[in-house]
Protein backbone atom coordinates (compact mmCIF):
# COMPACT_ATOMS: atom_id res chain seq x y z
CA UNK A 1 -19.20 7.79 -1.72
CA UNK A 2 -15.94 7.02 -3.65
CA UNK A 3 -15.61 3.14 -4.76
CA UNK A 4 -12.63 1.62 -4.78
CA UNK A 5 -11.79 -0.69 -7.68
CA UNK A 6 -10.19 -3.58 -6.12
CA UNK A 7 -7.90 -5.92 -8.28
CA UNK A 8 -5.10 -8.49 -7.01
CA UNK A 9 -1.46 -8.10 -7.05
CA UNK A 10 1.32 -9.48 -9.03
CA UNK A 11 3.62 -10.35 -7.34
CA UNK A 12 1.95 -11.72 -3.53
CA UNK A 13 -1.80 -11.81 -5.07
CA UNK A 14 -3.17 -9.98 -2.69
CA UNK A 15 -5.83 -7.72 -3.11
CA UNK A 16 -5.05 -3.73 -4.00
CA UNK A 17 -7.06 -0.64 -5.36
CA UNK A 18 -6.13 -0.71 -8.87
CA UNK A 19 -5.76 3.11 -8.70
CA UNK A 20 -2.19 2.49 -6.20
CA UNK A 21 0.78 3.28 -7.92
CA UNK A 22 2.53 0.20 -5.85
CA UNK A 23 1.44 -2.87 -3.82
CA UNK A 24 0.86 -1.72 -0.04
CA UNK A 25 1.82 -5.82 0.80
CA UNK A 26 5.05 -5.88 -1.10
CA UNK A 27 5.70 -2.78 -2.90
CA UNK A 28 5.52 -4.03 -6.64
CA UNK A 29 5.07 -1.24 -8.80
CA UNK A 30 1.95 -1.06 -10.57
CA UNK A 31 0.50 -3.89 -8.85
CA UNK A 32 -2.86 -4.47 -10.64
CA UNK A 33 -3.94 -6.62 -13.01
CA UNK A 34 -5.99 -4.33 -15.20
CA UNK A 35 -3.92 -5.54 -18.38
CA UNK A 36 -5.82 -8.83 -18.76
CA UNK A 37 -7.95 -7.23 -21.54
CA UNK A 38 -5.24 -6.24 -23.16
CA UNK A 39 -3.10 -9.04 -23.42
CA UNK A 40 -5.94 -11.45 -24.08
CA UNK A 41 -6.14 -9.12 -26.93
CA UNK A 42 -2.32 -9.81 -27.98
CA UNK A 43 -2.56 -13.26 -27.26
CA UNK A 44 -5.61 -13.27 -29.57
CA UNK A 45 -3.32 -11.39 -32.41
CA UNK A 46 -0.70 -14.18 -32.17
CA UNK A 47 1.58 -11.88 -30.24
CA UNK A 48 2.34 -13.82 -27.37
CA UNK A 49 5.97 -12.62 -27.03
CA UNK A 50 4.95 -9.41 -26.87
CA UNK A 51 2.42 -9.99 -24.39
CA UNK A 52 5.05 -11.89 -22.16
CA UNK A 53 7.39 -9.28 -22.03
CA UNK A 54 4.59 -7.17 -20.92
CA UNK A 55 4.05 -9.55 -17.99
CA UNK A 56 8.11 -9.44 -17.48
CA UNK A 57 7.97 -5.67 -17.67
CA UNK A 58 5.41 -5.09 -15.20
CA UNK A 59 6.22 -8.04 -12.89
CA UNK A 60 9.23 -8.33 -12.83
CA UNK A 61 8.87 -12.68 -13.24
CA UNK A 62 10.88 -14.61 -15.57
CA UNK A 63 10.10 -16.27 -19.09
CA UNK A 64 8.71 -19.10 -17.55
CA UNK A 65 6.07 -17.23 -15.18
CA UNK A 66 5.19 -14.81 -17.91
CA UNK A 67 4.45 -17.34 -20.27
CA UNK A 68 2.49 -19.63 -17.58
CA UNK A 69 0.28 -16.51 -16.79
CA UNK A 70 -0.02 -15.83 -20.28
CA UNK A 71 -1.44 -19.76 -21.06
CA UNK A 72 -3.94 -19.30 -17.97
CA UNK A 73 -5.45 -16.16 -19.63
């Protein structure tokens, strides 16, 4: 029996399988929040701008939303 790894979509905040290429709910590409560990490493190294750029690229969010997300990690 295969187990699915559930995550949360960046865009619509609904549960998605982390292997999904797009969210079945909203169509967001690469929808899962599997990047949080990488973002935390960047934040700890003081590379906030790089972390924000990654969030913006993956999520399609603007600067403020991306900064808020990084700050909340």
